[in-house]
Amino acid sequence: MGILSKLIDKRIASYQNNLMATHYLEVENMYREMRGWRHDYLNHISVIKSYALLGDYDSLLKYLDELNADLSKIDKGIKTGNKMLDSILNSKIALAESKNVPISVDAQISIAIKTPEIDLCIILGNLFDNAIEASLSLPEEERMIRVYMEMKHTQLYMSFTNMTSMEKRKKQDGRFDSTKTVKSGFGLVRIDDIVKRHGGYINRNSEDGAFSTEILLPQ
């Protein structure tokens, strides 16, 4: 293994470790709070019924407002049902929003995913980073990232679409040119290598004003 490959692997490993250490605990706390709220559900219903029977509607409305505020704190962020995916998705969503890049995510992955965490982290991390950086070259009102993930039978499907300032990206050696630096361009190669190693499928499409990537990974 060459020096450059070792440096890339070291950078990716560091990226994954920092991501998981920073966000996994946050997602775990979110799920714990949700379980706690469900546990108290019958108690909340009992209080609501009591206020209703007493005709104390002011107290009833106040209690409902408090419940709504409490639930809103828990309900922030993407909850796919898979904690590792949640940590990555919510991290990158927060990053995009901090840079004023609107993002729409639709992801429901409730089953266990067999693809190694580090491979998913590399794929999703690079897809998000590429989409965010491409968006930053646009006026804020033209920025948009759309992410869709689901299970298609026994395969994990993911689709990324972002607006871009380039009319149409060109292919070189079978791959679209990266809009990023040479160092970041290695991310596209890493994605392709991972998809190929897992016997998956990848398709990139560049149309006027938009760039999309579709990936299927057997599970």
C-alpha atoms as a PDB file:
ATOM      1  CA  MET A   1       0.000   0.000   0.000  1.00  0.00           C
ATOM      2  CA  GLY A   2       1.428   3.364  -1.026  1.00  0.00           C
ATOM      3  CA  ILE A   3       1.964   6.354   1.237  1.00  0.00           C
ATOM      4  CA  LEU A   4      -0.934   8.231  -0.395  1.00  0.00           C
ATOM      5  CA  SER A   5      -3.350   5.335   0.175  1.00  0.00           C
ATOM      6  CA  LYS A   6      -2.296   5.100   3.822  1.00  0.00           C
ATOM      7  CA  LEU A   7      -2.885   8.818   4.305  1.00  0.00           C
ATOM      8  CA  ILE A   8      -6.343   8.552   2.739  1.00  0.00           C
ATOM      9  CA  ASP A   9      -7.283   5.552   4.916  1.00  0.00           C
ATOM     10  CA  LYS A  10      -6.011   7.370   8.026  1.00  0.00           C
ATOM     11  CA  ARG A  11      -8.060  10.461   7.154  1.00  0.00           C
ATOM     12  CA  ILE A  12     -11.197   8.387   6.601  1.00  0.00           C
ATOM     13  CA  ALA A  13     -10.729   6.457   9.854  1.00  0.00           C
ATOM     14  CA  SER A  14     -10.301   9.727  11.750  1.00  0.00           C
ATOM     15  CA  TYR A  15     -13.396  11.153  10.087  1.00  0.00           C
ATOM     16  CA  GLN A  16     -15.489   8.151  11.058  1.00  0.00           C
ATOM     17  CA  ASN A  17     -14.255   8.056  14.655  1.00  0.00           C
ATOM     18  CA  ASN A  18     -14.922  11.764  15.188  1.00  0.00           C
ATOM     19  CA  LEU A  19     -18.367  11.492  13.633  1.00  0.00           C
ATOM     20  CA  MET A  20     -19.452   8.547  15.735  1.00  0.00           C
ATOM     21  CA  ALA A  21     -17.984   9.899  18.972  1.00  0.00           C
ATOM     22  CA  THR A  22     -19.697  13.259  18.503  1.00  0.00           C
ATOM     23  CA  HIS A  23     -23.145  12.204  17.348  1.00  0.00           C
ATOM     24  CA  TYR A  24     -23.871   8.592  18.321  1.00  0.00           C
ATOM     25  CA  LEU A  25     -24.430   9.488  21.987  1.00  0.00           C
ATOM     26  CA  GLU A  26     -26.769  12.295  20.953  1.00  0.00           C
ATOM     27  CA  VAL A  27     -28.887   9.909  18.897  1.00  0.00           C
ATOM     28  CA  GLU A  28     -28.899   7.355  21.704  1.00  0.00           C
ATOM     29  CA  ASN A  29     -30.200  10.040  24.094  1.00  0.00           C
ATOM     30  CA  MET A  30     -32.927  10.917  21.587  1.00  0.00           C
ATOM     31  CA  TYR A  31     -34.121   7.309  21.451  1.00  0.00           C
ATOM     32  CA  ARG A  32     -33.966   7.044  25.263  1.00  0.00           C
ATOM     33  CA  GLU A  33     -36.174  10.117  25.643  1.00  0.00           C
ATOM     34  CA  MET A  34     -38.657   8.687  23.147  1.00  0.00           C
ATOM     35  CA  ARG A  35     -38.860   5.430  25.092  1.00  0.00           C
ATOM     36  CA  GLY A  36     -39.402   7.414  28.288  1.00  0.00           C
ATOM     37  CA  TRP A  37     -42.218   9.439  26.740  1.00  0.00           C
ATOM     38  CA  ARG A  38     -43.962   6.258  25.559  1.00  0.00           C
ATOM     39  CA  HIS A  39     -43.586   4.808  29.064  1.00  0.00           C
ATOM     40  CA  ASP A  40     -45.395   7.842  30.531  1.00  0.00           C
ATOM     41  CA  TYR A  41     -48.074   7.863  27.848  1.00  0.00           C
ATOM     42  CA  LEU A  42     -50.838   6.332  30.027  1.00  0.00           C
ATOM     43  CA  ASN A  43     -50.086   8.796  32.826  1.00  0.00           C
ATOM     44  CA  HIS A  44     -50.430  11.705  30.402  1.00  0.00           C
ATOM     45  CA  ILE A  45     -53.771  10.338  29.133  1.00  0.00           C
ATOM     46  CA  SER A  46     -55.005   9.999  32.728  1.00  0.00           C
ATOM     47  CA  VAL A  47     -54.202  13.630  33.525  1.00  0.00           C
ATOM     48  CA  ILE A  48     -55.855  14.836  30.310  1.00  0.00           C
ATOM     49  CA  LYS A  49     -59.028  12.860  31.072  1.00  0.00           C
ATOM     50  CA  SER A  50     -59.130  14.242  34.615  1.00  0.00           C
ATOM     51  CA  TYR A  51     -58.955  17.852  33.447  1.00  0.00           C
ATOM     52  CA  ALA A  52     -61.620  17.150  30.792  1.00  0.00           C
ATOM     53  CA  LEU A  53     -64.001  15.532  33.303  1.00  0.00           C
ATOM     54  CA  LEU A  54     -63.545  18.447  35.705  1.00  0.00           C
ATOM     55  CA  GLY A  55     -64.186  20.921  32.937  1.00  0.00           C
ATOM     56  CA  ASP A  56     -60.879  22.623  33.728  1.00  0.00           C
ATOM     57  CA  TYR A  57     -60.084  23.476  30.127  1.00  0.00           C
ATOM     58  CA  ASP A  58     -57.514  26.133  30.962  1.00  0.00           C
ATOM     59  CA  SER A  59     -55.411  23.558  32.820  1.00  0.00           C
ATOM     60  CA  LEU A  60     -56.051  21.032  30.055  1.00  0.00           C
ATOM     61  CA  LEU A  61     -54.778  23.398  27.349  1.00  0.00           C
ATOM     62  CA  LYS A  62     -51.759  24.347  29.473  1.00  0.00           C
ATOM     63  CA  TYR A  63     -50.904  20.673  30.011  1.00  0.00           C
ATOM     64  CA  LEU A  64     -51.268  19.924  26.297  1.00  0.00           C
ATOM     65  CA  ASP A  65     -48.971  22.845  25.467  1.00  0.00           C
ATOM     66  CA  GLU A  66     -46.373  21.505  27.889  1.00  0.00           C
ATOM     67  CA  LEU A  67     -46.629  18.032  26.349  1.00  0.00           C
ATOM     68  CA  ASN A  68     -46.257  19.485  22.867  1.00  0.00           C
ATOM     69  CA  ALA A  69     -43.159  21.439  23.870  1.00  0.00           C
ATOM     70  CA  ASP A  70     -41.651  18.358  25.516  1.00  0.00           C
ATOM     71  CA  LEU A  71     -42.360  16.183  22.479  1.00  0.00           C
ATOM     72  CA  SER A  72     -40.952  18.813  20.102  1.00  0.00           C
ATOM     73  CA  LYS A  73     -37.591  18.600  21.862  1.00  0.00           C
ATOM     74  CA  ILE A  74     -37.506  14.847  21.307  1.00  0.00           C
ATOM     75  CA  ASP A  75     -38.816  14.920  17.750  1.00  0.00           C
ATOM     76  CA  LYS A  76     -35.963  16.912  16.213  1.00  0.00           C
ATOM     77  CA  GLY A  77     -33.835  15.247  13.608  1.00  0.00           C
ATOM     78  CA  ILE A  78     -34.120  12.263  11.307  1.00  0.00           C
ATOM     79  CA  LYS A  79     -35.124   8.955  12.886  1.00  0.00           C
ATOM     80  CA  THR A  80     -34.786   6.122  10.395  1.00  0.00           C
ATOM     81  CA  GLY A  81     -34.873   3.380  12.998  1.00  0.00           C
ATOM     82  CA  ASN A  82     -31.157   2.739  12.482  1.00  0.00           C
ATOM     83  CA  LYS A  83     -28.988   4.584  15.026  1.00  0.00           C
ATOM     84  CA  MET A  84     -25.800   4.604  12.980  1.00  0.00           C
ATOM     85  CA  LEU A  85     -27.577   6.069   9.953  1.00  0.00           C
ATOM     86  CA  ASP A  86     -29.265   8.638  12.183  1.00  0.00           C
ATOM     87  CA  SER A  87     -25.919   9.836  13.532  1.00  0.00           C
ATOM     88  CA  ILE A  88     -24.526  10.384  10.030  1.00  0.00           C
ATOM     89  CA  LEU A  89     -27.673  11.909   8.523  1.00  0.00           C
ATOM     90  CA  ASN A  90     -28.348  14.305  11.388  1.00  0.00           C
ATOM     91  CA  SER A  91     -24.713  15.379  11.491  1.00  0.00           C
ATOM     92  CA  LYS A  92     -24.657  16.258   7.797  1.00  0.00           C
ATOM     93  CA  ILE A  93     -28.110  17.876   7.894  1.00  0.00           C
ATOM     94  CA  ALA A  94     -26.884  20.148  10.685  1.00  0.00           C
ATOM     95  CA  LEU A  95     -23.772  20.978   8.650  1.00  0.00           C
ATOM     96  CA  ALA A  96     -25.836  21.832   5.550  1.00  0.00           C
ATOM     97  CA  GLU A  97     -28.236  24.005   7.525  1.00  0.00           C
ATOM     98  CA  SER A  98     -25.337  25.849   9.187  1.00  0.00           C
ATOM     99  CA  LYS A  99     -24.189  26.818   5.677  1.00  0.00           C
ATOM    100  CA  ASN A 100     -27.689  27.899   4.603  1.00  0.00           C
ATOM    101  CA  VAL A 101     -28.179  24.936   2.282  1.00  0.00           C
ATOM    102  CA  PRO A 102     -31.805  23.678   2.360  1.00  0.00           C
ATOM    103  CA  ILE A 103     -31.972  19.901   2.563  1.00  0.00           C
ATOM    104  CA  SER A 104     -34.821  17.411   2.317  1.00  0.00           C
ATOM    105  CA  VAL A 105     -34.311  13.880   3.662  1.00  0.00           C
ATOM    106  CA  ASP A 106     -36.732  10.960   3.385  1.00  0.00           C
ATOM    107  CA  ALA A 107     -35.229   7.833   4.953  1.00  0.00           C
ATOM    108  CA  GLN A 108     -36.915   4.816   6.560  1.00  0.00           C
ATOM    109  CA  ILE A 109     -34.454   1.997   7.260  1.00  0.00           C
ATOM    110  CA  SER A 110     -35.781   0.023  10.216  1.00  0.00           C
ATOM    111  CA  ILE A 111     -33.916  -3.239   9.573  1.00  0.00           C
ATOM    112  CA  ALA A 112     -30.330  -4.021  10.478  1.00  0.00           C
ATOM    113  CA  ILE A 113     -27.879  -3.022   7.749  1.00  0.00           C
ATOM    114  CA  LYS A 114     -25.117  -5.470   6.889  1.00  0.00           C
ATOM    115  CA  THR A 115     -22.887  -2.982   5.064  1.00  0.00           C
ATOM    116  CA  PRO A 116     -19.996  -2.132   7.449  1.00  0.00           C
ATOM    117  CA  GLU A 117     -20.426   1.179   9.252  1.00  0.00           C
ATOM    118  CA  ILE A 118     -17.146   2.578   7.978  1.00  0.00           C
ATOM    119  CA  ASP A 119     -18.195   1.919   4.355  1.00  0.00           C
ATOM    120  CA  LEU A 120     -21.571   3.616   4.829  1.00  0.00           C
ATOM    121  CA  CYS A 121     -19.860   6.479   6.613  1.00  0.00           C
ATOM    122  CA  ILE A 122     -17.474   6.977   3.674  1.00  0.00           C
ATOM    123  CA  ILE A 123     -20.286   6.827   1.096  1.00  0.00           C
ATOM    124  CA  LEU A 124     -22.729   9.112   2.882  1.00  0.00           C
ATOM    125  CA  GLY A 125     -20.048  11.475   4.132  1.00  0.00           C
ATOM    126  CA  ASN A 126     -18.626  12.055   0.673  1.00  0.00           C
ATOM    127  CA  LEU A 127     -22.034  12.336  -0.999  1.00  0.00           C
ATOM    128  CA  PHE A 128     -23.128  14.953   1.522  1.00  0.00           C
ATOM    129  CA  ASP A 129     -19.826  16.849   1.381  1.00  0.00           C
ATOM    130  CA  ASN A 130     -19.882  16.959  -2.428  1.00  0.00           C
ATOM    131  CA  ALA A 131     -23.499  18.126  -2.495  1.00  0.00           C
ATOM    132  CA  ILE A 132     -22.930  20.791   0.150  1.00  0.00           C
ATOM    133  CA  GLU A 133     -19.819  22.172  -1.532  1.00  0.00           C
ATOM    134  CA  ALA A 134     -21.527  22.257  -4.934  1.00  0.00           C
ATOM    135  CA  SER A 135     -24.459  24.116  -3.367  1.00  0.00           C
ATOM    136  CA  LEU A 136     -22.199  26.802  -1.907  1.00  0.00           C
ATOM    137  CA  SER A 137     -21.321  28.016  -5.409  1.00  0.00           C
ATOM    138  CA  LEU A 138     -24.988  28.954  -5.926  1.00  0.00           C
ATOM    139  CA  PRO A 139     -27.051  31.880  -4.623  1.00  0.00           C
ATOM    140  CA  GLU A 140     -28.903  30.841  -1.473  1.00  0.00           C
ATOM    141  CA  GLU A 141     -32.296  30.920  -3.175  1.00  0.00           C
ATOM    142  CA  GLU A 142     -31.121  28.327  -5.738  1.00  0.00           C
ATOM    143  CA  ARG A 143     -29.598  25.838  -3.305  1.00  0.00           C
ATOM    144  CA  MET A 144     -31.225  22.460  -2.706  1.00  0.00           C
ATOM    145  CA  ILE A 145     -30.178  18.968  -1.628  1.00  0.00           C
ATOM    146  CA  ARG A 146     -32.621  16.056  -1.720  1.00  0.00           C
ATOM    147  CA  VAL A 147     -31.823  12.687  -0.126  1.00  0.00           C
ATOM    148  CA  TYR A 148     -33.938   9.547  -0.340  1.00  0.00           C
ATOM    149  CA  MET A 149     -33.162   6.184   1.256  1.00  0.00           C
ATOM    150  CA  GLU A 150     -35.165   2.970   1.534  1.00  0.00           C
ATOM    151  CA  MET A 151     -34.893  -0.798   1.376  1.00  0.00           C
ATOM    152  CA  LYS A 152     -35.721  -2.249  -2.039  1.00  0.00           C
ATOM    153  CA  HIS A 153     -36.244  -5.919  -1.228  1.00  0.00           C
ATOM    154  CA  THR A 154     -32.763  -6.994  -0.046  1.00  0.00           C
ATOM    155  CA  GLN A 155     -30.909  -3.907  -1.237  1.00  0.00           C
ATOM    156  CA  LEU A 156     -30.254  -0.560   0.406  1.00  0.00           C
ATOM    157  CA  TYR A 157     -31.166   2.214  -2.025  1.00  0.00           C
ATOM    158  CA  MET A 158     -29.918   5.776  -1.677  1.00  0.00           C
ATOM    159  CA  SER A 159     -30.385   8.758  -3.948  1.00  0.00           C
ATOM    160  CA  PHE A 160     -28.683  12.165  -3.687  1.00  0.00           C
ATOM    161  CA  THR A 161     -29.645  15.143  -5.839  1.00  0.00           C
ATOM    162  CA  ASN A 162     -28.247  18.652  -5.613  1.00  0.00           C
ATOM    163  CA  MET A 163     -28.381  21.789  -7.710  1.00  0.00           C
ATOM    164  CA  THR A 164     -25.112  22.814  -9.305  1.00  0.00           C
ATOM    165  CA  SER A 165     -23.734  25.878 -11.045  1.00  0.00           C
ATOM    166  CA  MET A 166     -22.267  23.749 -13.856  1.00  0.00           C
ATOM    167  CA  GLU A 167     -24.482  23.191 -16.902  1.00  0.00           C
ATOM    168  CA  LYS A 168     -23.395  19.600 -17.372  1.00  0.00           C
ATOM    169  CA  ARG A 169     -20.485  17.756 -15.813  1.00  0.00           C
ATOM    170  CA  LYS A 170     -18.157  15.779 -18.039  1.00  0.00           C
ATOM    171  CA  LYS A 171     -16.955  12.232 -17.545  1.00  0.00           C
ATOM    172  CA  GLN A 172     -13.292  11.277 -17.396  1.00  0.00           C
ATOM    173  CA  ASP A 173     -12.247   7.612 -17.291  1.00  0.00           C
ATOM    174  CA  GLY A 174     -15.882   6.649 -16.725  1.00  0.00           C
ATOM    175  CA  ARG A 175     -16.379   9.061 -13.797  1.00  0.00           C
ATOM    176  CA  PHE A 176     -17.801  12.554 -13.602  1.00  0.00           C
ATOM    177  CA  ASP A 177     -15.271  15.252 -12.793  1.00  0.00           C
ATOM    178  CA  SER A 178     -15.338  16.331  -9.172  1.00  0.00           C
ATOM    179  CA  THR A 179     -16.249  19.943  -8.459  1.00  0.00           C
ATOM    180  CA  LYS A 180     -13.937  19.776  -5.448  1.00  0.00           C
ATOM    181  CA  THR A 181     -10.199  19.726  -4.829  1.00  0.00           C
ATOM    182  CA  VAL A 182      -7.888  16.917  -5.959  1.00  0.00           C
ATOM    183  CA  LYS A 183      -7.757  15.567  -2.407  1.00  0.00           C
ATOM    184  CA  SER A 184     -11.538  15.486  -2.137  1.00  0.00           C
ATOM    185  CA  GLY A 185     -11.788  13.875  -5.558  1.00  0.00           C
ATOM    186  CA  PHE A 186     -10.462  10.684  -4.013  1.00  0.00           C
ATOM    187  CA  GLY A 187     -13.833  10.410  -2.258  1.00  0.00           C
ATOM    188  CA  LEU A 188     -15.557   9.607  -5.551  1.00  0.00           C
ATOM    189  CA  VAL A 189     -13.058   6.831  -6.206  1.00  0.00           C
ATOM    190  CA  ARG A 190     -13.563   5.463  -2.702  1.00  0.00           C
ATOM    191  CA  ILE A 191     -17.338   5.377  -3.189  1.00  0.00           C
ATOM    192  CA  ASP A 192     -16.991   3.493  -6.468  1.00  0.00           C
ATOM    193  CA  ASP A 193     -14.556   1.007  -4.931  1.00  0.00           C
ATOM    194  CA  ILE A 194     -16.851   0.296  -1.969  1.00  0.00           C
ATOM    195  CA  VAL A 195     -19.927  -0.190  -4.164  1.00  0.00           C
ATOM    196  CA  LYS A 196     -17.991  -2.516  -6.453  1.00  0.00           C
ATOM    197  CA  ARG A 197     -16.555  -4.503  -3.526  1.00  0.00           C
ATOM    198  CA  HIS A 198     -20.059  -5.128  -2.157  1.00  0.00           C
ATOM    199  CA  GLY A 199     -21.437  -6.114  -5.556  1.00  0.00           C
ATOM    200  CA  GLY A 200     -23.633  -3.030  -5.702  1.00  0.00           C
ATOM    201  CA  TYR A 201     -24.702  -0.592  -8.374  1.00  0.00           C
ATOM    202  CA  ILE A 202     -23.982   3.113  -8.814  1.00  0.00           C
ATOM    203  CA  ASN A 203     -25.308   5.593 -11.347  1.00  0.00           C
ATOM    204  CA  ARG A 204     -24.501   9.277 -11.678  1.00  0.00           C
ATOM    205  CA  ASN A 205     -26.496  11.643 -13.823  1.00  0.00           C
ATOM    206  CA  SER A 206     -25.728  15.241 -14.740  1.00  0.00           C
ATOM    207  CA  GLU A 207     -28.513  17.298 -16.222  1.00  0.00           C
ATOM    208  CA  ASP A 208     -28.695  21.054 -16.670  1.00  0.00           C
ATOM    209  CA  GLY A 209     -28.624  22.531 -13.207  1.00  0.00           C
ATOM    210  CA  ALA A 210     -28.713  19.282 -11.215  1.00  0.00           C
ATOM    211  CA  PHE A 211     -26.438  16.381 -10.326  1.00  0.00           C
ATOM    212  CA  SER A 212     -27.692  13.083  -8.919  1.00  0.00           C
ATOM    213  CA  THR A 213     -26.195   9.854  -7.615  1.00  0.00           C
ATOM    214  CA  GLU A 214     -28.060   6.569  -7.115  1.00  0.00           C
ATOM    215  CA  ILE A 215     -26.594   3.609  -5.239  1.00  0.00           C
ATOM    216  CA  LEU A 216     -27.847   0.091  -4.518  1.00  0.00           C
ATOM    217  CA  LEU A 217     -26.065  -2.038  -1.904  1.00  0.00           C
ATOM    218  CA  PRO A 218     -27.039  -5.706  -1.341  1.00  0.00           C
ATOM    219  CA  GLN A 219     -27.826  -6.541   2.302  1.00  0.00           C
END
